[in-house]
């Protein structure tokens, strides 16, 4: 792989595109062309990430969000007799890219709303908790995707039993969900 050639192609693609979606499309097309010698799946994963980076830069975001990688596989975008998903080398890639971003953004907004509602339930449940260190466990739940009672007990200086009981109470109040579906080594999250 020619890293210098790839970097130059990406810079050119970014400067030639005025709009964020056009930048993402141009960057992904240019990168796919430069990565012809790399395995197709590895190149495509990298290219989708680069498109998200280009979009984030053009929009002035602090960090890229993996929208395209999650949206491009949406069933609504599949076409042809075999239901093939769009690829950066396709002739109508820019349209597929825009559609994928629209679908992914809609899903991200829905997810943000659901997390906001669940966070509010957690805050509403906080006054009903009697454990002395419950606020530390609430902070852990807000900071991570999932938390084990053992980790919460360690961080909040609670007994293992106390942490399990606290998570059971939070589950009863609808403030958290048990994510693993197991009877032991449970994971809890919003």
Foldseek 3Di string as FASTA:
>chain_A
DPPVQLVVQLVVLLVVDLALLSSLLSNLLSQCVVCVVPPPVVSQVVSLVVSQVSSCVNVVHPDGDSQLVVQQPDQVQFDDPVRDTDGSVDPPNSVSSVVSNVVSVVVVVVVVVVVVVLLVLLVVCVVVDDDPQVVQVNVVQVVDQKDWLVRSCVRSVHDSVVSVVRVVSCVVSVNWDFDPPDPPRTIIHD
